[in-house]
Amino acid sequence: MVRELTSSRSSTLNLRILKHLSSSQLRPPKLDESEPSYTKSVLFHALEEDLKLIKGIGLKVRGDGAGEKALPSSALEIPFYPDLAVSLGKQNLWAAEVKLLRRSGRQSSIASAIGQATLYRTRYEHVAVILIDTAPSSTHSQKQLVNQCRDLGLNIVIRPRIGKMLIPQKMN
């Protein structure tokens, strides 16, 4: 029988995932790489490898690259699927919407990510937006977005690309 995580342990898991995705070495996306491809080849594997270190509770990672879609949230009878999700039995612990921010379409990508992540809060205990910023903005504007998302009850990971590296995000 699968047991559920307490609220405290679920919060601890959320912080662990955020810290790992904020600070681990991740390669930046290739110029023509799609979000699903990047999520599958980089983010899914980083998340799965970290969670494998937690022995004995049977966490399940779903989403792009997992071979199994995450459970959707819906609006107007339209399903919205998180790009990454973590569950334990029927307990939906964590979900994330991933966006690659390129030079064009940034406004739409950010709005879409925050909107979808907000919908995921109806099903998942913790929700994050993961922005891989290939044309980074100022540190001040990144901090401002982190605070705005926090006010909405969303976590956010912003990984700006500088040269051939993704810079770790400092967790506040």
C-alpha atoms as a PDB file:
ATOM      1  CA  MET A   1       0.000   0.000   0.000  1.00  0.00           C
ATOM      2  CA  VAL A   2       1.369   3.410  -1.021  1.00  0.00           C
ATOM      3  CA  ARG A   3       1.352   5.993   1.738  1.00  0.00           C
ATOM      4  CA  GLU A   4       1.000   9.715   1.168  1.00  0.00           C
ATOM      5  CA  LEU A   5       3.579  12.312   2.099  1.00  0.00           C
ATOM      6  CA  THR A   6       2.632  14.712   4.862  1.00  0.00           C
ATOM      7  CA  SER A   7       2.312  18.381   3.965  1.00  0.00           C
ATOM      8  CA  SER A   8       5.699  19.038   5.563  1.00  0.00           C
ATOM      9  CA  ARG A   9       7.437  16.266   3.612  1.00  0.00           C
ATOM     10  CA  SER A  10       5.728  17.345   0.398  1.00  0.00           C
ATOM     11  CA  SER A  11       7.081  20.877   0.951  1.00  0.00           C
ATOM     12  CA  THR A  12      10.548  19.475   1.625  1.00  0.00           C
ATOM     13  CA  LEU A  13      10.369  17.487  -1.621  1.00  0.00           C
ATOM     14  CA  ASN A  14       9.285  20.623  -3.502  1.00  0.00           C
ATOM     15  CA  LEU A  15      12.283  22.555  -2.153  1.00  0.00           C
ATOM     16  CA  ARG A  16      14.621  19.700  -3.045  1.00  0.00           C
ATOM     17  CA  ILE A  17      13.350  19.607  -6.636  1.00  0.00           C
ATOM     18  CA  LEU A  18      13.571  23.386  -7.001  1.00  0.00           C
ATOM     19  CA  LYS A  19      17.090  23.493  -5.576  1.00  0.00           C
ATOM     20  CA  HIS A  20      18.219  20.687  -7.882  1.00  0.00           C
ATOM     21  CA  LEU A  21      16.736  22.253 -11.026  1.00  0.00           C
ATOM     22  CA  SER A  22      18.033  25.694 -10.011  1.00  0.00           C
ATOM     23  CA  SER A  23      21.621  24.671  -9.378  1.00  0.00           C
ATOM     24  CA  SER A  24      22.495  21.439 -11.189  1.00  0.00           C
ATOM     25  CA  GLN A  25      24.609  21.468 -14.304  1.00  0.00           C
ATOM     26  CA  LEU A  26      22.271  21.471 -17.282  1.00  0.00           C
ATOM     27  CA  ARG A  27      23.247  21.932 -20.885  1.00  0.00           C
ATOM     28  CA  PRO A  28      21.563  24.812 -22.697  1.00  0.00           C
ATOM     29  CA  PRO A  29      19.103  23.998 -25.482  1.00  0.00           C
ATOM     30  CA  LYS A  30      20.408  23.641 -29.008  1.00  0.00           C
ATOM     31  CA  LEU A  31      19.412  26.390 -31.442  1.00  0.00           C
ATOM     32  CA  ASP A  32      16.664  24.376 -33.125  1.00  0.00           C
ATOM     33  CA  GLU A  33      15.696  22.196 -30.146  1.00  0.00           C
ATOM     34  CA  SER A  34      12.025  22.131 -29.162  1.00  0.00           C
ATOM     35  CA  GLU A  35      10.745  22.428 -25.591  1.00  0.00           C
ATOM     36  CA  PRO A  36       9.514  18.814 -25.494  1.00  0.00           C
ATOM     37  CA  SER A  37      12.852  17.544 -26.799  1.00  0.00           C
ATOM     38  CA  TYR A  38      14.821  19.624 -24.272  1.00  0.00           C
ATOM     39  CA  THR A  39      12.520  18.612 -21.437  1.00  0.00           C
ATOM     40  CA  LYS A  40      12.936  14.948 -22.376  1.00  0.00           C
ATOM     41  CA  SER A  41      16.683  14.953 -22.942  1.00  0.00           C
ATOM     42  CA  VAL A  42      17.744  17.253 -20.094  1.00  0.00           C
ATOM     43  CA  LEU A  43      15.173  18.210 -17.462  1.00  0.00           C
ATOM     44  CA  PHE A  44      13.341  14.886 -17.164  1.00  0.00           C
ATOM     45  CA  HIS A  45      16.602  13.005 -16.717  1.00  0.00           C
ATOM     46  CA  ALA A  46      17.950  15.522 -14.172  1.00  0.00           C
ATOM     47  CA  LEU A  47      14.753  15.253 -12.123  1.00  0.00           C
ATOM     48  CA  GLU A  48      14.541  11.479 -12.366  1.00  0.00           C
ATOM     49  CA  GLU A  49      18.196  10.972 -11.369  1.00  0.00           C
ATOM     50  CA  ASP A  50      17.778  13.189  -8.298  1.00  0.00           C
ATOM     51  CA  LEU A  51      14.567  11.500  -7.165  1.00  0.00           C
ATOM     52  CA  LYS A  52      16.121   8.035  -7.569  1.00  0.00           C
ATOM     53  CA  LEU A  53      18.343   8.990  -4.636  1.00  0.00           C
ATOM     54  CA  ILE A  54      15.264   9.000  -2.394  1.00  0.00           C
ATOM     55  CA  LYS A  55      14.965   5.319  -1.622  1.00  0.00           C
ATOM     56  CA  GLY A  56      11.898   3.379  -0.618  1.00  0.00           C
ATOM     57  CA  ILE A  57       8.942   5.655  -1.277  1.00  0.00           C
ATOM     58  CA  GLY A  58       8.252   5.059  -4.973  1.00  0.00           C
ATOM     59  CA  LEU A  59       8.049   8.536  -6.450  1.00  0.00           C
ATOM     60  CA  LYS A  60       6.888   8.525 -10.090  1.00  0.00           C
ATOM     61  CA  VAL A  61       8.041  11.093 -12.654  1.00  0.00           C
ATOM     62  CA  ARG A  62       5.713  11.749 -15.582  1.00  0.00           C
ATOM     63  CA  GLY A  63       5.633  14.169 -18.460  1.00  0.00           C
ATOM     64  CA  ASP A  64       7.640  14.856 -21.595  1.00  0.00           C
ATOM     65  CA  GLY A  65      10.191  12.124 -21.936  1.00  0.00           C
ATOM     66  CA  ALA A  66       8.704   9.923 -19.229  1.00  0.00           C
ATOM     67  CA  GLY A  67       6.787   7.662 -21.560  1.00  0.00           C
ATOM     68  CA  GLU A  68       3.662   8.532 -19.599  1.00  0.00           C
ATOM     69  CA  LYS A  69       1.837  11.862 -19.689  1.00  0.00           C
ATOM     70  CA  ALA A  70       1.333  13.769 -16.483  1.00  0.00           C
ATOM     71  CA  LEU A  71      -2.216  14.024 -15.200  1.00  0.00           C
ATOM     72  CA  PRO A  72      -3.875  17.108 -16.709  1.00  0.00           C
ATOM     73  CA  SER A  73      -5.709  20.018 -15.210  1.00  0.00           C
ATOM     74  CA  SER A  74      -8.508  21.457 -17.302  1.00  0.00           C
ATOM     75  CA  ALA A  75     -10.190  24.719 -18.179  1.00  0.00           C
ATOM     76  CA  LEU A  76     -13.383  24.897 -20.252  1.00  0.00           C
ATOM     77  CA  GLU A  77     -13.109  21.127 -20.707  1.00  0.00           C
ATOM     78  CA  ILE A  78      -9.674  21.514 -22.328  1.00  0.00           C
ATOM     79  CA  PRO A  79      -6.903  19.413 -20.755  1.00  0.00           C
ATOM     80  CA  PHE A  80      -3.576  21.058 -19.929  1.00  0.00           C
ATOM     81  CA  TYR A  81      -0.693  18.646 -19.331  1.00  0.00           C
ATOM     82  CA  PRO A  82       2.296  19.619 -17.178  1.00  0.00           C
ATOM     83  CA  ASP A  83       5.659  19.132 -18.863  1.00  0.00           C
ATOM     84  CA  LEU A  84       6.984  17.437 -15.719  1.00  0.00           C
ATOM     85  CA  ALA A  85       5.149  15.974 -12.736  1.00  0.00           C
ATOM     86  CA  VAL A  86       5.924  13.935  -9.638  1.00  0.00           C
ATOM     87  CA  SER A  87       3.422  11.733  -7.863  1.00  0.00           C
ATOM     88  CA  LEU A  88       3.264   9.132  -5.134  1.00  0.00           C
ATOM     89  CA  GLY A  89       0.383   6.765  -5.766  1.00  0.00           C
ATOM     90  CA  LYS A  90      -2.660   9.024  -6.171  1.00  0.00           C
ATOM     91  CA  GLN A  91      -0.969  11.985  -4.488  1.00  0.00           C
ATOM     92  CA  ASN A  92      -0.051  14.621  -7.080  1.00  0.00           C
ATOM     93  CA  LEU A  93       2.931  16.257  -5.437  1.00  0.00           C
ATOM     94  CA  TRP A  94       4.589  18.522  -7.999  1.00  0.00           C
ATOM     95  CA  ALA A  95       4.150  19.797 -11.545  1.00  0.00           C
ATOM     96  CA  ALA A  96       6.038  22.170 -13.808  1.00  0.00           C
ATOM     97  CA  GLU A  97       5.545  24.035 -17.036  1.00  0.00           C
ATOM     98  CA  VAL A  98       8.752  24.443 -19.050  1.00  0.00           C
ATOM     99  CA  LYS A  99       9.401  27.232 -21.529  1.00  0.00           C
ATOM    100  CA  LEU A 100      12.465  28.006 -23.596  1.00  0.00           C
ATOM    101  CA  LEU A 101      12.693  31.782 -23.822  1.00  0.00           C
ATOM    102  CA  ARG A 102      14.230  32.811 -27.097  1.00  0.00           C
ATOM    103  CA  ARG A 103      14.657  36.282 -28.581  1.00  0.00           C
ATOM    104  CA  SER A 104      11.166  36.278 -30.104  1.00  0.00           C
ATOM    105  CA  GLY A 105       7.893  35.204 -28.534  1.00  0.00           C
ATOM    106  CA  ARG A 106       9.082  35.852 -24.980  1.00  0.00           C
ATOM    107  CA  GLN A 107       5.923  37.629 -23.853  1.00  0.00           C
ATOM    108  CA  SER A 108       3.662  34.823 -25.040  1.00  0.00           C
ATOM    109  CA  SER A 109       5.921  32.111 -23.571  1.00  0.00           C
ATOM    110  CA  ILE A 110       6.019  33.736 -20.135  1.00  0.00           C
ATOM    111  CA  ALA A 111       2.263  34.389 -20.084  1.00  0.00           C
ATOM    112  CA  SER A 112       1.505  30.857 -21.237  1.00  0.00           C
ATOM    113  CA  ALA A 113       3.811  29.293 -18.643  1.00  0.00           C
ATOM    114  CA  ILE A 114       2.340  31.271 -15.747  1.00  0.00           C
ATOM    115  CA  GLY A 115      -1.225  30.677 -16.941  1.00  0.00           C
ATOM    116  CA  GLN A 116      -0.768  26.940 -17.345  1.00  0.00           C
ATOM    117  CA  ALA A 117       1.071  26.618 -14.042  1.00  0.00           C
ATOM    118  CA  THR A 118      -1.798  28.416 -12.321  1.00  0.00           C
ATOM    119  CA  LEU A 119      -4.201  25.798 -13.716  1.00  0.00           C
ATOM    120  CA  TYR A 120      -1.977  22.993 -12.425  1.00  0.00           C
ATOM    121  CA  ARG A 121      -2.497  24.280  -8.883  1.00  0.00           C
ATOM    122  CA  THR A 122      -6.017  22.790  -9.036  1.00  0.00           C
ATOM    123  CA  ARG A 123      -4.513  19.280  -9.144  1.00  0.00           C
ATOM    124  CA  TYR A 124      -0.944  19.442  -7.780  1.00  0.00           C
ATOM    125  CA  GLU A 125       0.302  20.399  -4.308  1.00  0.00           C
ATOM    126  CA  HIS A 126       3.309  22.344  -5.619  1.00  0.00           C
ATOM    127  CA  VAL A 127       3.727  23.961  -9.010  1.00  0.00           C
ATOM    128  CA  ALA A 128       6.703  25.527 -10.746  1.00  0.00           C
ATOM    129  CA  VAL A 129       7.480  27.437 -13.888  1.00  0.00           C
ATOM    130  CA  ILE A 130      10.857  26.575 -15.416  1.00  0.00           C
ATOM    131  CA  LEU A 131      12.237  29.184 -17.799  1.00  0.00           C
ATOM    132  CA  ILE A 132      15.378  28.408 -19.771  1.00  0.00           C
ATOM    133  CA  ASP A 133      16.339  31.887 -20.947  1.00  0.00           C
ATOM    134  CA  THR A 134      18.526  31.777 -24.055  1.00  0.00           C
ATOM    135  CA  ALA A 135      18.512  35.593 -24.372  1.00  0.00           C
ATOM    136  CA  PRO A 136      18.658  36.602 -20.702  1.00  0.00           C
ATOM    137  CA  SER A 137      17.213  39.719 -19.215  1.00  0.00           C
ATOM    138  CA  SER A 138      18.618  41.661 -16.271  1.00  0.00           C
ATOM    139  CA  THR A 139      19.056  40.079 -12.853  1.00  0.00           C
ATOM    140  CA  HIS A 140      16.711  42.734 -11.449  1.00  0.00           C
ATOM    141  CA  SER A 141      13.877  41.736 -13.802  1.00  0.00           C
ATOM    142  CA  GLN A 142      14.475  38.041 -13.039  1.00  0.00           C
ATOM    143  CA  LYS A 143      14.170  38.715  -9.283  1.00  0.00           C
ATOM    144  CA  GLN A 144      11.027  40.742  -9.935  1.00  0.00           C
ATOM    145  CA  LEU A 145       9.423  37.831 -11.810  1.00  0.00           C
ATOM    146  CA  VAL A 146      10.412  35.392  -9.028  1.00  0.00           C
ATOM    147  CA  ASN A 147       8.639  37.641  -6.500  1.00  0.00           C
ATOM    148  CA  GLN A 148       5.566  38.080  -8.709  1.00  0.00           C
ATOM    149  CA  CYS A 149       5.224  34.317  -9.157  1.00  0.00           C
ATOM    150  CA  ARG A 150       5.713  33.735  -5.440  1.00  0.00           C
ATOM    151  CA  ASP A 151       2.812  36.154  -4.813  1.00  0.00           C
ATOM    152  CA  LEU A 152       0.688  33.926  -7.089  1.00  0.00           C
ATOM    153  CA  GLY A 153       1.665  30.812  -5.144  1.00  0.00           C
ATOM    154  CA  LEU A 154       3.958  29.581  -7.914  1.00  0.00           C
ATOM    155  CA  ASN A 155       7.597  28.599  -7.740  1.00  0.00           C
ATOM    156  CA  ILE A 156       9.855  29.649 -10.569  1.00  0.00           C
ATOM    157  CA  VAL A 157      13.233  28.516 -11.803  1.00  0.00           C
ATOM    158  CA  ILE A 158      14.982  30.862 -14.224  1.00  0.00           C
ATOM    159  CA  ARG A 159      18.144  29.510 -15.823  1.00  0.00           C
ATOM    160  CA  PRO A 160      19.750  32.138 -18.070  1.00  0.00           C
ATOM    161  CA  ARG A 161      22.205  31.064 -20.716  1.00  0.00           C
ATOM    162  CA  ILE A 162      25.505  32.895 -20.775  1.00  0.00           C
ATOM    163  CA  GLY A 163      27.672  31.650 -23.602  1.00  0.00           C
ATOM    164  CA  LYS A 164      27.549  27.854 -23.552  1.00  0.00           C
ATOM    165  CA  MET A 165      26.396  27.557 -19.936  1.00  0.00           C
ATOM    166  CA  LEU A 166      23.166  27.809 -17.969  1.00  0.00           C
ATOM    167  CA  ILE A 167      23.795  29.936 -14.904  1.00  0.00           C
ATOM    168  CA  PRO A 168      22.472  28.561 -11.606  1.00  0.00           C
ATOM    169  CA  GLN A 169      19.649  30.492  -9.976  1.00  0.00           C
ATOM    170  CA  LYS A 170      20.242  31.587  -6.418  1.00  0.00           C
ATOM    171  CA  MET A 171      17.406  30.358  -4.214  1.00  0.00           C
ATOM    172  CA  ASN A 172      16.061  33.013  -1.852  1.00  0.00           C
END
